[in-house]
């Protein structure tokens, strides 16, 4: 069980795709002009990451090391194509907004990185848990960053969420600041860089505090432990 706790903690926080590994920053900066866009791309990436990890773990004994990377890229491209077609068929307005960044999931180094470094060496269940944790970790950062940029830039939150999630989710569409004229800088790519930089800094500071607290707790435990001599 501790193995799965470590995998989940790494995916959500400790070794998060964005905050810990600084990967997949191009699509992150491009689509997080709103929380809904971030959620859409995050869920698409999550699905591809889980399935690619699962298929890699199931077939690792049948694919030689010499052709593993081309096979993995082909497999990821197939999954992305299916995801692209599904989004185009069922949530076409969001598909138009996300545009090129859905096919570009193929080039997301986070997915190929997890397939190569983790799924190709693990059993199917840990590989799926890793894909799920990394995908959820990537998604929450996309939504969080998109939410901050959307509130400051437009004064709304989860605008047009019903396009992605259905009419029942109109209730989560908020006008946070009524009659707000918006701050265009935050919506544009430079604003994305600024908000992401602040988020990375906060994550690093919090990580340092947690590491220092854990080290202090370990030191106290070792001092209080009875001597074996």
C-alpha atoms as a PDB file:
ATOM      1  CA  UNK A   1       0.000   0.000   0.000  1.00  0.00           C
ATOM      2  CA  UNK A   2       2.883   2.381   0.751  1.00  0.00           C
ATOM      3  CA  UNK A   3       4.021   1.990  -2.883  1.00  0.00           C
ATOM      4  CA  UNK A   4       0.681   3.340  -4.123  1.00  0.00           C
ATOM      5  CA  UNK A   5       0.723   6.166  -1.562  1.00  0.00           C
ATOM      6  CA  UNK A   6       4.128   7.207  -2.869  1.00  0.00           C
ATOM      7  CA  UNK A   7       2.954   7.018  -6.496  1.00  0.00           C
ATOM      8  CA  UNK A   8      -0.126   9.129  -5.745  1.00  0.00           C
ATOM      9  CA  UNK A   9       1.813  11.683  -3.675  1.00  0.00           C
ATOM     10  CA  UNK A  10       4.415  12.006  -6.437  1.00  0.00           C
ATOM     11  CA  UNK A  11       1.785  12.519  -9.140  1.00  0.00           C
ATOM     12  CA  UNK A  12      -0.342  15.002  -7.252  1.00  0.00           C
ATOM     13  CA  UNK A  13       2.376  17.028  -5.550  1.00  0.00           C
ATOM     14  CA  UNK A  14       5.951  15.855  -4.910  1.00  0.00           C
ATOM     15  CA  UNK A  15       6.887  15.076  -8.534  1.00  0.00           C
ATOM     16  CA  UNK A  16       3.972  16.808 -10.243  1.00  0.00           C
ATOM     17  CA  UNK A  17       4.310  17.003 -14.050  1.00  0.00           C
ATOM     18  CA  UNK A  18       4.263  20.820 -14.006  1.00  0.00           C
ATOM     19  CA  UNK A  19       5.340  21.840 -10.503  1.00  0.00           C
ATOM     20  CA  UNK A  20       8.001  19.162  -9.971  1.00  0.00           C
ATOM     21  CA  UNK A  21       9.178  18.187 -13.460  1.00  0.00           C
ATOM     22  CA  UNK A  22       8.403  21.446 -15.365  1.00  0.00           C
ATOM     23  CA  UNK A  23       7.105  19.446 -18.347  1.00  0.00           C
ATOM     24  CA  UNK A  24       4.203  20.127 -20.745  1.00  0.00           C
ATOM     25  CA  UNK A  25       4.490  23.883 -20.226  1.00  0.00           C
ATOM     26  CA  UNK A  26       3.643  24.868 -23.840  1.00  0.00           C
ATOM     27  CA  UNK A  27       0.066  23.506 -23.873  1.00  0.00           C
ATOM     28  CA  UNK A  28      -0.351  24.581 -20.262  1.00  0.00           C
ATOM     29  CA  UNK A  29       0.406  28.226 -21.048  1.00  0.00           C
ATOM     30  CA  UNK A  30      -1.591  28.182 -24.276  1.00  0.00           C
ATOM     31  CA  UNK A  31      -4.921  26.788 -23.076  1.00  0.00           C
ATOM     32  CA  UNK A  32      -5.214  28.039 -19.497  1.00  0.00           C
ATOM     33  CA  UNK A  33      -6.911  31.295 -20.411  1.00  0.00           C
ATOM     34  CA  UNK A  34      -9.944  29.779 -18.645  1.00  0.00           C
ATOM     35  CA  UNK A  35     -10.559  27.000 -16.122  1.00  0.00           C
ATOM     36  CA  UNK A  36     -12.876  25.164 -18.538  1.00  0.00           C
ATOM     37  CA  UNK A  37     -10.228  25.017 -21.270  1.00  0.00           C
ATOM     38  CA  UNK A  38      -7.701  23.726 -18.730  1.00  0.00           C
ATOM     39  CA  UNK A  39     -10.134  21.063 -17.533  1.00  0.00           C
ATOM     40  CA  UNK A  40     -10.837  19.937 -21.106  1.00  0.00           C
ATOM     41  CA  UNK A  41      -7.188  19.481 -22.042  1.00  0.00           C
ATOM     42  CA  UNK A  42      -6.409  17.996 -18.630  1.00  0.00           C
ATOM     43  CA  UNK A  43      -9.087  15.285 -18.950  1.00  0.00           C
ATOM     44  CA  UNK A  44      -7.968  14.445 -22.507  1.00  0.00           C
ATOM     45  CA  UNK A  45      -4.342  14.126 -21.351  1.00  0.00           C
ATOM     46  CA  UNK A  46      -5.416  12.091 -18.309  1.00  0.00           C
ATOM     47  CA  UNK A  47      -7.233   9.546 -20.494  1.00  0.00           C
ATOM     48  CA  UNK A  48      -4.263   9.174 -22.847  1.00  0.00           C
ATOM     49  CA  UNK A  49      -1.790   8.882 -19.962  1.00  0.00           C
ATOM     50  CA  UNK A  50      -3.749   6.144 -18.143  1.00  0.00           C
ATOM     51  CA  UNK A  51      -4.357   4.067 -21.280  1.00  0.00           C
ATOM     52  CA  UNK A  52      -0.796   4.425 -22.575  1.00  0.00           C
ATOM     53  CA  UNK A  53       0.624   3.335 -19.193  1.00  0.00           C
ATOM     54  CA  UNK A  54      -1.739   0.362 -19.092  1.00  0.00           C
ATOM     55  CA  UNK A  55      -0.954  -0.822 -22.645  1.00  0.00           C
ATOM     56  CA  UNK A  56       2.786  -0.380 -22.093  1.00  0.00           C
ATOM     57  CA  UNK A  57       2.719  -2.422 -18.879  1.00  0.00           C
ATOM     58  CA  UNK A  58       0.669  -5.187 -20.524  1.00  0.00           C
ATOM     59  CA  UNK A  59       2.936  -5.471 -23.585  1.00  0.00           C
ATOM     60  CA  UNK A  60       6.357  -4.794 -22.065  1.00  0.00           C
ATOM     61  CA  UNK A  61       7.396  -8.467 -22.327  1.00  0.00           C
ATOM     62  CA  UNK A  62       6.472  -8.642 -26.023  1.00  0.00           C
ATOM     63  CA  UNK A  63       8.188  -5.459 -27.301  1.00  0.00           C
ATOM     64  CA  UNK A  64      11.969  -5.505 -27.683  1.00  0.00           C
ATOM     65  CA  UNK A  65      14.042  -2.641 -26.306  1.00  0.00           C
ATOM     66  CA  UNK A  66      15.264  -1.741 -29.836  1.00  0.00           C
ATOM     67  CA  UNK A  67      11.798  -0.765 -31.102  1.00  0.00           C
ATOM     68  CA  UNK A  68      10.138   0.200 -27.825  1.00  0.00           C
ATOM     69  CA  UNK A  69      10.214   3.979 -28.292  1.00  0.00           C
ATOM     70  CA  UNK A  70       8.760   3.962 -31.854  1.00  0.00           C
ATOM     71  CA  UNK A  71       6.081   1.510 -30.727  1.00  0.00           C
ATOM     72  CA  UNK A  72       5.238   3.699 -27.730  1.00  0.00           C
ATOM     73  CA  UNK A  73       4.963   6.813 -29.904  1.00  0.00           C
ATOM     74  CA  UNK A  74       2.715   4.967 -32.354  1.00  0.00           C
ATOM     75  CA  UNK A  75       0.529   3.733 -29.500  1.00  0.00           C
ATOM     76  CA  UNK A  76       0.263   7.232 -27.953  1.00  0.00           C
ATOM     77  CA  UNK A  77      -0.533   8.751 -31.372  1.00  0.00           C
ATOM     78  CA  UNK A  78      -3.343   6.234 -31.864  1.00  0.00           C
ATOM     79  CA  UNK A  79      -4.837   7.034 -28.459  1.00  0.00           C
ATOM     80  CA  UNK A  80      -4.589  10.781 -29.101  1.00  0.00           C
ATOM     81  CA  UNK A  81      -6.293  10.403 -32.499  1.00  0.00           C
ATOM     82  CA  UNK A  82      -9.175   8.519 -30.881  1.00  0.00           C
ATOM     83  CA  UNK A  83      -9.429  11.185 -28.148  1.00  0.00           C
ATOM     84  CA  UNK A  84      -9.382  13.946 -30.764  1.00  0.00           C
ATOM     85  CA  UNK A  85     -12.202  12.300 -32.730  1.00  0.00           C
ATOM     86  CA  UNK A  86     -14.287  11.734 -29.586  1.00  0.00           C
ATOM     87  CA  UNK A  87     -13.950  15.384 -28.524  1.00  0.00           C
ATOM     88  CA  UNK A  88     -14.768  16.549 -32.043  1.00  0.00           C
ATOM     89  CA  UNK A  89     -17.899  14.407 -32.073  1.00  0.00           C
ATOM     90  CA  UNK A  90     -19.233  15.066 -28.573  1.00  0.00           C
ATOM     91  CA  UNK A  91     -17.906  18.484 -27.462  1.00  0.00           C
ATOM     92  CA  UNK A  92     -17.236  20.186 -30.767  1.00  0.00           C
ATOM     93  CA  UNK A  93     -17.237  23.813 -29.419  1.00  0.00           C
ATOM     94  CA  UNK A  94     -14.515  22.943 -26.884  1.00  0.00           C
ATOM     95  CA  UNK A  95     -12.661  20.987 -29.565  1.00  0.00           C
ATOM     96  CA  UNK A  96     -12.540  24.170 -31.666  1.00  0.00           C
ATOM     97  CA  UNK A  97     -11.195  26.176 -28.701  1.00  0.00           C
ATOM     98  CA  UNK A  98      -8.457  23.667 -27.817  1.00  0.00           C
ATOM     99  CA  UNK A  99      -7.675  23.220 -31.518  1.00  0.00           C
ATOM    100  CA  UNK A 100      -4.155  22.048 -32.324  1.00  0.00           C
ATOM    101  CA  UNK A 101      -3.264  21.313 -28.704  1.00  0.00           C
ATOM    102  CA  UNK A 102      -5.284  18.082 -28.665  1.00  0.00           C
ATOM    103  CA  UNK A 103      -3.240  16.415 -31.468  1.00  0.00           C
ATOM    104  CA  UNK A 104      -0.112  17.844 -29.847  1.00  0.00           C
ATOM    105  CA  UNK A 105      -0.732  15.646 -26.794  1.00  0.00           C
ATOM    106  CA  UNK A 106       1.338  13.151 -28.827  1.00  0.00           C
ATOM    107  CA  UNK A 107       4.386  15.342 -28.270  1.00  0.00           C
ATOM    108  CA  UNK A 108       3.683  15.810 -24.564  1.00  0.00           C
ATOM    109  CA  UNK A 109       6.974  14.685 -23.059  1.00  0.00           C
ATOM    110  CA  UNK A 110       5.271  13.934 -19.751  1.00  0.00           C
ATOM    111  CA  UNK A 111       3.319  11.038 -21.304  1.00  0.00           C
ATOM    112  CA  UNK A 112       6.272   9.472 -23.134  1.00  0.00           C
ATOM    113  CA  UNK A 113       8.413  10.081 -20.046  1.00  0.00           C
ATOM    114  CA  UNK A 114       6.081   8.140 -17.722  1.00  0.00           C
ATOM    115  CA  UNK A 115       5.690   5.344 -20.262  1.00  0.00           C
ATOM    116  CA  UNK A 116       9.465   4.971 -20.580  1.00  0.00           C
ATOM    117  CA  UNK A 117      10.543   5.569 -17.009  1.00  0.00           C
ATOM    118  CA  UNK A 118       7.731   3.858 -15.101  1.00  0.00           C
ATOM    119  CA  UNK A 119       5.113   1.851 -17.024  1.00  0.00           C
ATOM    120  CA  UNK A 120       7.661  -0.150 -19.046  1.00  0.00           C
ATOM    121  CA  UNK A 121       9.123  -1.497 -15.768  1.00  0.00           C
ATOM    122  CA  UNK A 122       5.972  -2.070 -13.740  1.00  0.00           C
ATOM    123  CA  UNK A 123       2.945  -4.349 -13.482  1.00  0.00           C
ATOM    124  CA  UNK A 124      -0.356  -3.053 -14.961  1.00  0.00           C
ATOM    125  CA  UNK A 125      -1.935  -1.901 -11.670  1.00  0.00           C
ATOM    126  CA  UNK A 126       0.928   0.355 -10.476  1.00  0.00           C
ATOM    127  CA  UNK A 127       1.258   1.678 -14.052  1.00  0.00           C
ATOM    128  CA  UNK A 128      -2.437   2.630 -14.145  1.00  0.00           C
ATOM    129  CA  UNK A 129      -2.230   4.257 -10.699  1.00  0.00           C
ATOM    130  CA  UNK A 130       0.816   6.237 -11.837  1.00  0.00           C
ATOM    131  CA  UNK A 131      -0.951   7.383 -15.017  1.00  0.00           C
ATOM    132  CA  UNK A 132      -4.019   8.361 -13.013  1.00  0.00           C
ATOM    133  CA  UNK A 133      -2.011  10.253 -10.373  1.00  0.00           C
ATOM    134  CA  UNK A 134       0.171  12.064 -12.930  1.00  0.00           C
ATOM    135  CA  UNK A 135      -2.874  12.874 -15.076  1.00  0.00           C
ATOM    136  CA  UNK A 136      -4.912  14.211 -12.162  1.00  0.00           C
ATOM    137  CA  UNK A 137      -1.872  16.172 -10.967  1.00  0.00           C
ATOM    138  CA  UNK A 138      -1.498  17.733 -14.415  1.00  0.00           C
ATOM    139  CA  UNK A 139      -5.253  18.448 -14.615  1.00  0.00           C
ATOM    140  CA  UNK A 140      -5.539  20.205 -11.262  1.00  0.00           C
ATOM    141  CA  UNK A 141      -2.644  22.503 -12.128  1.00  0.00           C
ATOM    142  CA  UNK A 142      -4.278  23.330 -15.483  1.00  0.00           C
ATOM    143  CA  UNK A 143      -7.604  24.088 -13.803  1.00  0.00           C
ATOM    144  CA  UNK A 144      -6.005  26.060 -10.951  1.00  0.00           C
ATOM    145  CA  UNK A 145      -3.867  28.148 -13.283  1.00  0.00           C
ATOM    146  CA  UNK A 146      -6.789  28.641 -15.672  1.00  0.00           C
ATOM    147  CA  UNK A 147      -9.058  29.645 -12.803  1.00  0.00           C
ATOM    148  CA  UNK A 148      -6.650  32.308 -11.522  1.00  0.00           C
ATOM    149  CA  UNK A 149      -6.072  33.722 -15.024  1.00  0.00           C
ATOM    150  CA  UNK A 150      -9.804  33.678 -15.790  1.00  0.00           C
ATOM    151  CA  UNK A 151     -10.801  35.462 -12.571  1.00  0.00           C
ATOM    152  CA  UNK A 152      -8.158  38.180 -12.870  1.00  0.00           C
ATOM    153  CA  UNK A 153      -8.419  38.446 -16.638  1.00  0.00           C
ATOM    154  CA  UNK A 154     -12.172  38.216 -17.174  1.00  0.00           C
ATOM    155  CA  UNK A 155     -13.848  38.253 -13.764  1.00  0.00           C
ATOM    156  CA  UNK A 156     -15.521  34.860 -14.399  1.00  0.00           C
ATOM    157  CA  UNK A 157     -14.863  31.257 -13.357  1.00  0.00           C
ATOM    158  CA  UNK A 158     -15.680  28.102 -15.345  1.00  0.00           C
ATOM    159  CA  UNK A 159     -17.359  30.118 -18.091  1.00  0.00           C
ATOM    160  CA  UNK A 160     -18.975  27.819 -20.698  1.00  0.00           C
ATOM    161  CA  UNK A 161     -18.432  24.759 -18.494  1.00  0.00           C
ATOM    162  CA  UNK A 162     -21.755  23.362 -19.760  1.00  0.00           C
ATOM    163  CA  UNK A 163     -20.154  22.879 -23.197  1.00  0.00           C
ATOM    164  CA  UNK A 164     -17.711  20.364 -21.709  1.00  0.00           C
ATOM    165  CA  UNK A 165     -19.711  18.864 -18.851  1.00  0.00           C
ATOM    166  CA  UNK A 166     -23.321  19.235 -19.974  1.00  0.00           C
ATOM    167  CA  UNK A 167     -26.166  21.623 -19.185  1.00  0.00           C
ATOM    168  CA  UNK A 168     -26.392  20.339 -15.590  1.00  0.00           C
ATOM    169  CA  UNK A 169     -23.047  22.024 -14.862  1.00  0.00           C
ATOM    170  CA  UNK A 170     -24.251  25.529 -15.687  1.00  0.00           C
ATOM    171  CA  UNK A 171     -24.467  25.926 -11.894  1.00  0.00           C
ATOM    172  CA  UNK A 172     -20.651  26.046 -11.571  1.00  0.00           C
ATOM    173  CA  UNK A 173     -20.360  28.982 -14.001  1.00  0.00           C
ATOM    174  CA  UNK A 174     -19.725  32.058 -11.875  1.00  0.00           C
ATOM    175  CA  UNK A 175     -19.352  35.771 -12.455  1.00  0.00           C
ATOM    176  CA  UNK A 176     -16.840  36.438  -9.680  1.00  0.00           C
ATOM    177  CA  UNK A 177     -16.447  40.188 -10.306  1.00  0.00           C
ATOM    178  CA  UNK A 178     -19.605  41.783 -11.793  1.00  0.00           C
ATOM    179  CA  UNK A 179     -19.155  44.592 -14.345  1.00  0.00           C
ATOM    180  CA  UNK A 180     -15.417  43.820 -14.507  1.00  0.00           C
ATOM    181  CA  UNK A 181     -13.685  45.096 -17.627  1.00  0.00           C
ATOM    182  CA  UNK A 182     -10.895  42.529 -17.360  1.00  0.00           C
ATOM    183  CA  UNK A 183      -7.098  42.583 -17.389  1.00  0.00           C
ATOM    184  CA  UNK A 184      -5.951  41.441 -20.838  1.00  0.00           C
ATOM    185  CA  UNK A 185      -2.322  40.869 -19.777  1.00  0.00           C
ATOM    186  CA  UNK A 186      -3.274  37.893 -17.615  1.00  0.00           C
ATOM    187  CA  UNK A 187      -5.186  36.236 -20.458  1.00  0.00           C
ATOM    188  CA  UNK A 188      -2.261  36.634 -22.883  1.00  0.00           C
ATOM    189  CA  UNK A 189       0.804  34.293 -22.808  1.00  0.00           C
ATOM    190  CA  UNK A 190       2.962  36.750 -20.768  1.00  0.00           C
ATOM    191  CA  UNK A 191       0.322  36.638 -18.040  1.00  0.00           C
ATOM    192  CA  UNK A 192       0.477  32.859 -18.117  1.00  0.00           C
ATOM    193  CA  UNK A 193       4.244  32.986 -17.564  1.00  0.00           C
ATOM    194  CA  UNK A 194       3.828  35.365 -14.614  1.00  0.00           C
ATOM    195  CA  UNK A 195       1.118  33.307 -12.883  1.00  0.00           C
ATOM    196  CA  UNK A 196       3.001  30.048 -13.519  1.00  0.00           C
ATOM    197  CA  UNK A 197       6.192  31.555 -12.086  1.00  0.00           C
ATOM    198  CA  UNK A 198       4.375  32.574  -8.905  1.00  0.00           C
ATOM    199  CA  UNK A 199       2.827  29.109  -8.618  1.00  0.00           C
ATOM    200  CA  UNK A 200       6.215  27.381  -9.071  1.00  0.00           C
ATOM    201  CA  UNK A 201       7.747  29.640  -6.430  1.00  0.00           C
ATOM    202  CA  UNK A 202       4.971  28.896  -3.929  1.00  0.00           C
ATOM    203  CA  UNK A 203       5.291  25.157  -4.581  1.00  0.00           C
ATOM    204  CA  UNK A 204       9.070  25.269  -4.030  1.00  0.00           C
ATOM    205  CA  UNK A 205       8.754  27.241  -0.781  1.00  0.00           C
ATOM    206  CA  UNK A 206       6.076  24.916   0.572  1.00  0.00           C
ATOM    207  CA  UNK A 207       8.141  21.874  -0.408  1.00  0.00           C
ATOM    208  CA  UNK A 208      11.158  23.251   1.445  1.00  0.00           C
ATOM    209  CA  UNK A 209       9.071  23.866   4.576  1.00  0.00           C
ATOM    210  CA  UNK A 210       7.590  20.370   4.463  1.00  0.00           C
ATOM    211  CA  UNK A 211      11.045  18.807   3.949  1.00  0.00           C
ATOM    212  CA  UNK A 212      12.472  20.780   6.874  1.00  0.00           C
ATOM    213  CA  UNK A 213       9.543  19.761   9.089  1.00  0.00           C
ATOM    214  CA  UNK A 214       9.970  16.075   8.124  1.00  0.00           C
ATOM    215  CA  UNK A 215      13.729  16.217   8.792  1.00  0.00           C
ATOM    216  CA  UNK A 216      13.099  17.797  12.208  1.00  0.00           C
ATOM    217  CA  UNK A 217      10.553  15.103  13.065  1.00  0.00           C
ATOM    218  CA  UNK A 218      13.015  12.346  12.040  1.00  0.00           C
ATOM    219  CA  UNK A 219      15.738  13.967  14.154  1.00  0.00           C
ATOM    220  CA  UNK A 220      13.455  14.141  17.189  1.00  0.00           C
ATOM    221  CA  UNK A 221      12.388  10.509  16.720  1.00  0.00           C
ATOM    222  CA  UNK A 222      16.011   9.307  16.519  1.00  0.00           C
ATOM    223  CA  UNK A 223      16.945  11.232  19.694  1.00  0.00           C
ATOM    224  CA  UNK A 224      14.038   9.713  21.630  1.00  0.00           C
ATOM    225  CA  UNK A 225      14.594   6.159  20.368  1.00  0.00           C
ATOM    226  CA  UNK A 226      15.979   3.748  23.069  1.00  0.00           C
ATOM    227  CA  UNK A 227      19.626   2.764  22.646  1.00  0.00           C
ATOM    228  CA  UNK A 228      20.331  -0.866  21.660  1.00  0.00           C
ATOM    229  CA  UNK A 229      23.763  -0.927  23.381  1.00  0.00           C
END
